[in-house]
Amino acid sequence: MEAKTVQVPREAIDLYNRYIHGEISRRDFMDGAKKFALVGGGAAIVEALMPNYAAAQQVSPTDARIKASYETVPSPNGNGSIRGYLVRPANAGTGRLPAILVVHENRGLNPHIEDVARRLAVANFMAFAPDGLTSVGGYPGDDEKGGALFGKVDRAKMGEDLYAAAVWLKNRPDSTGRLGVTGFCFGGGISNSLAVRMGADLQAAVPFYGGAPPAADVAKIKAAVLVHHGSEDTRLVMAWPEHEAAMKAAGVTHEGYIYPMAVHGFNNDATPARYNKAAADLAWQRTVAWFNKYVRTTS
């Protein structure tokens, strides 16, 4: 992932981010990418922007260090149920573990998010990655189709499904009862929303480039919040000072970092053009340390 065969212009990355957020169609994205042919070839630009899950995988599903399964969680106030990917360290036996909810981007539970859950299990947490697309058949194995399905799910009911997943994970008998949440883009926003909704029932939230909650709701947060943004993610970077000020005023334990030369989606090593290894490695190191400090321990 460190070596890049094509230099992707910032404008092309912005175009891709507009596409995955539903602001433009796939055709408009492809047509726009062709305009960059002189700086690396349109096809090469598209290939560098599109996800390559096999190349990015850090922890194999068959890794001997983990035990994984798919579980279905009741969600009576949402869509009835939500399915997700549960991962525990293999050497945990019947012991109880601190738990982390992992919330996907607006594509559903794709292989990258499952890999993030496995990375947390290797770090000795129990992780659960729910699929917000469960009510429409689940992640379809393709990000473009996943994005289309995402737009068809009742957003309020999906929120209830994700909340039900968090409560289920926290209350499992193999959980210590201490819960953290992390998420990316849409999932980052959900991390912030759960921090508001769950109050003292959530110990830590680590949103990656997620939308902040309304300033008026910040006082409800009792979790320790760690925020990650890329410096080139202009909209979220501009909104950060207001969110930080609200957390300071409310006495919320928090830290926030803006990573130089990093774009929206910088942690996603499945999309080579957006991935910033230096930023991602540092953000992940800080994330695991944050969860160790606020979810693993009781102090």
Protein backbone atom coordinates (compact mmCIF):
# COMPACT_ATOMS: atom_id res chain seq x y z
CA MET A 1 0.00 0.00 0.00
CA GLU A 2 2.93 2.37 0.42
CA ALA A 3 4.01 2.29 -3.20
CA LYS A 4 1.76 4.13 -5.66
CA THR A 5 2.01 3.55 -9.38
CA VAL A 6 0.06 6.68 -10.28
CA GLN A 7 -0.08 10.18 -8.84
CA VAL A 8 -3.73 10.98 -8.18
CA PRO A 9 -4.64 14.68 -8.33
CA ARG A 10 -6.41 16.13 -5.32
CA GLU A 11 -9.32 17.10 -7.60
CA ALA A 12 -9.81 13.44 -8.54
CA ILE A 13 -9.92 12.42 -4.88
CA ASP A 14 -12.48 15.15 -4.22
CA LEU A 15 -14.50 13.83 -7.16
CA TYR A 16 -14.43 10.32 -5.71
CA ASN A 17 -15.54 11.57 -2.30
CA ARG A 18 -18.45 13.40 -3.93
CA TYR A 19 -19.39 10.17 -5.68
CA ILE A 20 -19.33 8.00 -2.55
CA HIS A 21 -21.39 10.59 -0.67
CA GLY A 22 -24.07 10.45 -3.35
CA GLU A 23 -23.52 13.97 -4.66
CA ILE A 24 -22.78 12.78 -8.22
CA SER A 25 -23.54 9.62 -10.18
CA ARG A 26 -21.08 6.90 -11.10
CA ARG A 27 -21.24 8.09 -14.71
CA ASP A 28 -20.34 11.64 -13.69
CA PHE A 29 -17.47 10.28 -11.58
CA MET A 30 -16.15 8.15 -14.45
CA ASP A 31 -16.48 11.01 -16.93
CA GLY A 32 -14.69 13.34 -14.53
CA ALA A 33 -11.88 10.84 -13.95
CA LYS A 34 -11.20 10.70 -17.69
CA LYS A 35 -10.29 14.37 -17.61
CA PHE A 36 -7.19 13.46 -15.60
CA ALA A 37 -5.80 11.19 -18.32
CA LEU A 38 -2.86 13.50 -18.98
CA VAL A 39 -1.65 13.22 -15.40
CA GLY A 40 -1.68 9.46 -15.03
CA GLY A 41 -4.32 7.90 -17.23
CA GLY A 42 -8.04 7.88 -16.54
CA ALA A 43 -8.19 4.12 -16.00
CA ALA A 44 -5.23 4.21 -13.60
CA ILE A 45 -6.83 7.09 -11.68
CA VAL A 46 -10.08 5.13 -11.26
CA GLU A 47 -8.19 1.99 -10.20
CA ALA A 48 -6.31 3.93 -7.54
CA LEU A 49 -9.53 5.41 -6.18
CA MET A 50 -11.67 2.27 -6.13
CA PRO A 51 -11.40 -0.12 -3.15
CA ASN A 52 -9.04 -3.10 -3.28
CA TYR A 53 -9.97 -5.11 -0.20
CA ALA A 54 -7.67 -8.06 -0.78
CA ALA A 55 -4.57 -5.87 -1.03
CA ALA A 56 -5.49 -3.89 2.09
CA GLN A 57 -6.31 -6.79 4.41
CA GLN A 58 -4.18 -6.69 7.56
CA VAL A 59 -5.69 -9.57 9.54
CA SER A 60 -6.98 -12.61 7.68
CA PRO A 61 -10.43 -13.99 8.58
CA THR A 62 -8.66 -17.29 9.29
CA ASP A 63 -5.94 -15.75 11.47
CA ALA A 64 -5.26 -18.08 14.40
CA ARG A 65 -5.23 -15.13 16.80
CA ILE A 66 -8.98 -14.48 16.45
CA LYS A 67 -12.37 -16.16 16.61
CA ALA A 68 -15.10 -14.66 14.45
CA SER A 69 -18.77 -15.27 13.77
CA TYR A 70 -21.81 -13.53 12.34
CA GLU A 71 -24.50 -12.73 14.87
CA THR A 72 -28.03 -11.37 14.61
CA VAL A 73 -29.17 -8.83 17.18
CA PRO A 74 -32.85 -8.04 17.96
CA SER A 75 -33.87 -4.46 17.20
CA PRO A 76 -37.54 -4.07 18.14
CA ASN A 77 -37.51 -0.27 17.71
CA GLY A 78 -35.69 -0.42 14.39
CA ASN A 79 -35.97 -2.83 11.49
CA GLY A 80 -36.54 -5.87 13.70
CA SER A 81 -32.96 -7.12 13.74
CA ILE A 82 -29.43 -6.28 12.62
CA ARG A 83 -26.72 -8.71 11.61
CA GLY A 84 -23.05 -8.12 12.30
CA TYR A 85 -19.54 -9.52 12.55
CA LEU A 86 -18.33 -10.44 16.05
CA VAL A 87 -14.62 -10.98 16.67
CA ARG A 88 -12.78 -11.97 19.85
CA PRO A 89 -9.13 -12.80 20.51
CA ALA A 90 -8.72 -16.57 20.31
CA ASN A 91 -6.80 -16.74 23.59
CA ALA A 92 -9.55 -15.04 25.60
CA GLY A 93 -11.28 -18.33 26.44
CA THR A 94 -14.42 -17.64 28.45
CA GLY A 95 -12.99 -14.47 29.95
CA ARG A 96 -14.74 -11.13 29.72
CA LEU A 97 -13.40 -8.42 27.46
CA PRO A 98 -13.89 -4.70 26.91
CA ALA A 99 -16.08 -4.22 23.84
CA ILE A 100 -15.82 -1.94 20.81
CA LEU A 101 -18.59 -1.26 18.29
CA VAL A 102 -17.23 -0.59 14.78
CA VAL A 103 -19.54 1.38 12.47
CA HIS A 104 -19.05 1.37 8.71
CA GLU A 105 -19.09 4.12 6.10
CA ASN A 106 -22.16 4.59 3.90
CA ARG A 107 -21.50 1.37 1.97
CA GLY A 108 -22.48 -1.19 4.61
CA LEU A 109 -20.38 -3.86 6.28
CA ASN A 110 -17.69 -4.29 3.64
CA PRO A 111 -14.45 -6.30 3.97
CA HIS A 112 -12.47 -3.28 5.15
CA ILE A 113 -14.70 -2.73 8.19
CA GLU A 114 -14.57 -6.43 9.02
CA ASP A 115 -10.79 -6.15 8.89
CA VAL A 116 -10.88 -3.19 11.30
CA ALA A 117 -12.89 -5.35 13.72
CA ARG A 118 -10.26 -8.08 13.45
CA ARG A 119 -7.50 -5.55 14.13
CA LEU A 120 -9.26 -4.63 17.37
CA ALA A 121 -9.52 -8.30 18.34
CA VAL A 122 -5.78 -8.66 17.80
CA ALA A 123 -5.43 -5.69 20.18
CA ASN A 124 -7.34 -7.80 22.76
CA PHE A 125 -10.80 -6.28 22.49
CA MET A 126 -14.10 -7.88 21.59
CA ALA A 127 -15.36 -6.07 18.48
CA PHE A 128 -18.73 -6.09 16.78
CA ALA A 129 -19.29 -4.53 13.36
CA PRO A 130 -23.02 -4.31 12.58
CA ASP A 131 -24.39 -4.03 9.04
CA GLY A 132 -26.80 -1.12 8.69
CA LEU A 133 -27.98 -2.66 5.41
CA THR A 134 -29.38 -5.76 7.13
CA SER A 135 -32.99 -4.72 6.49
CA VAL A 136 -32.38 -4.52 2.73
CA GLY A 137 -30.48 -7.79 2.44
CA GLY A 138 -27.11 -6.76 3.87
CA TYR A 139 -23.91 -5.59 2.22
CA PRO A 140 -24.21 -6.89 -1.36
CA GLY A 141 -20.51 -7.57 -1.94
CA ASP A 142 -20.04 -4.42 -4.01
CA ASP A 143 -19.59 -0.89 -2.68
CA GLU A 144 -21.53 0.81 -5.47
CA LYS A 145 -24.54 -1.44 -4.89
CA GLY A 146 -24.08 -1.00 -1.15
CA GLY A 147 -24.23 2.76 -1.56
CA ALA A 148 -27.45 2.47 -3.56
CA LEU A 149 -29.00 0.25 -0.87
CA PHE A 150 -27.87 2.65 1.83
CA GLY A 151 -30.12 5.31 0.38
CA LYS A 152 -33.13 2.99 0.66
CA VAL A 153 -32.90 2.27 4.38
CA ASP A 154 -35.01 4.31 6.78
CA ARG A 155 -32.28 6.34 8.48
CA ALA A 156 -34.09 6.65 11.80
CA LYS A 157 -34.69 2.89 11.97
CA MET A 158 -31.08 2.23 11.01
CA GLY A 159 -30.04 4.43 13.92
CA GLU A 160 -32.18 2.31 16.24
CA ASP A 161 -30.57 -0.85 14.81
CA LEU A 162 -27.07 0.47 15.51
CA TYR A 163 -28.08 1.54 19.01
CA ALA A 164 -29.52 -1.94 19.63
CA ALA A 165 -26.20 -3.43 18.48
CA ALA A 166 -24.31 -1.22 20.96
CA VAL A 167 -26.56 -2.19 23.87
CA TRP A 168 -26.38 -5.89 22.94
CA LEU A 169 -22.59 -5.79 22.76
CA LYS A 170 -22.24 -3.96 26.08
CA ASN A 171 -24.52 -6.46 27.86
CA ARG A 172 -23.09 -9.69 26.50
CA PRO A 173 -21.98 -12.07 29.26
CA ASP A 174 -18.46 -12.15 27.77
CA SER A 175 -18.24 -8.35 27.94
CA THR A 176 -16.86 -6.43 30.92
CA GLY A 177 -19.77 -4.02 30.46
CA ARG A 178 -17.39 -1.29 29.31
CA LEU A 179 -18.04 -0.10 25.78
CA GLY A 180 -16.31 2.00 23.15
CA VAL A 181 -17.35 2.93 19.63
CA THR A 182 -15.42 3.90 16.55
CA GLY A 183 -16.65 4.65 13.07
CA PHE A 184 -15.71 6.15 9.74
CA CYS A 185 -17.48 8.95 7.84
CA PHE A 186 -21.16 7.95 8.38
CA GLY A 187 -19.92 5.70 11.17
CA GLY A 188 -17.98 8.59 12.68
CA GLY A 189 -21.21 10.56 12.87
CA ILE A 190 -22.93 7.56 14.46
CA SER A 191 -20.10 7.37 17.02
CA ASN A 192 -20.84 10.96 18.01
CA SER A 193 -24.60 10.32 18.07
CA LEU A 194 -24.18 7.28 20.31
CA ALA A 195 -21.99 9.30 22.65
CA VAL A 196 -24.86 11.77 23.04
CA ARG A 197 -27.56 9.11 23.37
CA MET A 198 -25.81 6.64 25.64
CA GLY A 199 -24.33 9.07 28.18
CA ALA A 200 -22.53 7.19 30.94
CA ASP A 201 -23.31 3.83 29.29
CA LEU A 202 -20.54 4.56 26.76
CA GLN A 203 -16.95 4.90 27.96
CA ALA A 204 -15.22 6.13 24.80
CA ALA A 205 -15.96 7.30 21.25
CA VAL A 206 -13.41 7.61 18.44
CA PRO A 207 -14.98 9.15 15.32
CA PHE A 208 -12.89 9.21 12.16
CA TYR A 209 -13.93 12.16 9.96
CA GLY A 210 -17.50 12.08 11.25
CA GLY A 211 -20.05 14.84 11.55
CA ALA A 212 -20.25 16.45 14.98
CA PRO A 213 -23.44 16.34 17.05
CA PRO A 214 -25.45 19.54 17.62
CA ALA A 215 -23.63 21.79 20.09
CA ALA A 216 -26.69 21.80 22.33
CA ASP A 217 -26.40 18.01 22.77
CA VAL A 218 -22.73 17.88 23.65
CA ALA A 219 -23.38 18.27 27.39
CA LYS A 220 -25.07 14.85 27.33
CA ILE A 221 -21.76 13.19 26.44
CA LYS A 222 -20.04 11.34 29.29
CA ALA A 223 -17.67 9.28 27.13
CA ALA A 224 -14.07 10.26 26.43
CA VAL A 225 -14.01 11.46 22.81
CA LEU A 226 -11.04 11.21 20.43
CA VAL A 227 -11.54 12.95 17.07
CA HIS A 228 -9.58 12.33 13.85
CA HIS A 229 -9.78 14.61 10.78
CA GLY A 230 -7.62 15.04 7.69
CA SER A 231 -6.34 18.56 7.05
CA GLU A 232 -7.70 18.48 3.48
CA ASP A 233 -11.20 17.53 4.66
CA THR A 234 -12.20 21.18 4.58
CA ARG A 235 -15.83 21.05 5.71
CA LEU A 236 -15.15 18.97 8.81
CA VAL A 237 -11.95 20.82 9.67
CA MET A 238 -13.84 24.11 9.57
CA ALA A 239 -16.53 22.67 11.87
CA TRP A 240 -14.02 21.26 14.38
CA PRO A 241 -13.33 24.46 16.44
CA GLU A 242 -17.03 24.85 17.31
CA HIS A 243 -17.31 21.19 18.32
CA GLU A 244 -14.12 21.39 20.37
CA ALA A 245 -15.35 24.54 22.11
CA ALA A 246 -18.66 22.83 22.96
CA MET A 247 -16.84 19.86 24.48
CA LYS A 248 -14.57 22.13 26.49
CA ALA A 249 -17.56 24.10 27.78
CA ALA A 250 -19.35 20.87 28.76
CA GLY A 251 -16.29 19.40 30.47
CA VAL A 252 -16.14 16.43 28.07
CA THR A 253 -12.84 14.55 28.19
CA HIS A 254 -11.54 14.84 24.65
CA GLU A 255 -8.65 15.17 22.25
CA GLY A 256 -8.71 16.05 18.58
CA TYR A 257 -6.14 15.71 15.83
CA ILE A 258 -5.93 17.10 12.31
CA TYR A 259 -3.50 15.11 10.18
CA PRO A 260 -1.39 17.05 7.66
CA MET A 261 -1.94 16.34 3.97
CA ALA A 262 -4.66 13.78 4.77
CA VAL A 263 -7.98 13.74 2.91
CA HIS A 264 -11.41 12.47 3.87
CA GLY A 265 -11.13 8.68 4.17
CA PHE A 266 -7.40 8.78 4.94
CA ASN A 267 -7.59 5.72 7.20
CA ASN A 268 -9.12 3.47 4.55
CA ASP A 269 -6.19 1.47 3.20
CA ALA A 270 -8.54 -0.25 0.74
CA THR A 271 -8.71 2.98 -1.30
CA PRO A 272 -5.06 3.66 -2.19
CA ALA A 273 -5.45 7.21 -3.46
CA ARG A 274 -7.09 8.41 -0.25
CA TYR A 275 -5.01 6.33 2.14
CA ASN A 276 -2.34 8.20 4.06
CA LYS A 277 -0.20 5.62 5.82
CA ALA A 278 1.54 8.03 8.19
CA ALA A 279 -1.74 9.57 9.32
CA ALA A 280 -3.56 6.23 9.49
CA ASP A 281 -0.84 4.54 11.53
CA LEU A 282 -0.67 7.39 14.03
CA ALA A 283 -4.46 7.66 14.28
CA TRP A 284 -4.77 3.92 14.88
CA GLN A 285 -2.03 3.96 17.51
CA ARG A 286 -3.88 6.78 19.29
CA THR A 287 -7.20 4.96 18.93
CA VAL A 288 -5.99 1.73 20.54
CA ALA A 289 -4.29 3.70 23.33
CA TRP A 290 -7.51 5.65 23.91
CA PHE A 291 -9.57 2.48 24.19
CA ASN A 292 -6.97 0.91 26.48
CA LYS A 293 -7.13 3.97 28.73
CA TYR A 294 -10.87 4.55 28.86
CA VAL A 295 -12.54 1.23 27.99
CA ARG A 296 -10.14 -1.41 29.25
CA THR A 297 -9.46 0.27 32.57
CA THR A 298 -11.96 1.47 35.16
CA SER A 299 -9.99 4.53 36.27
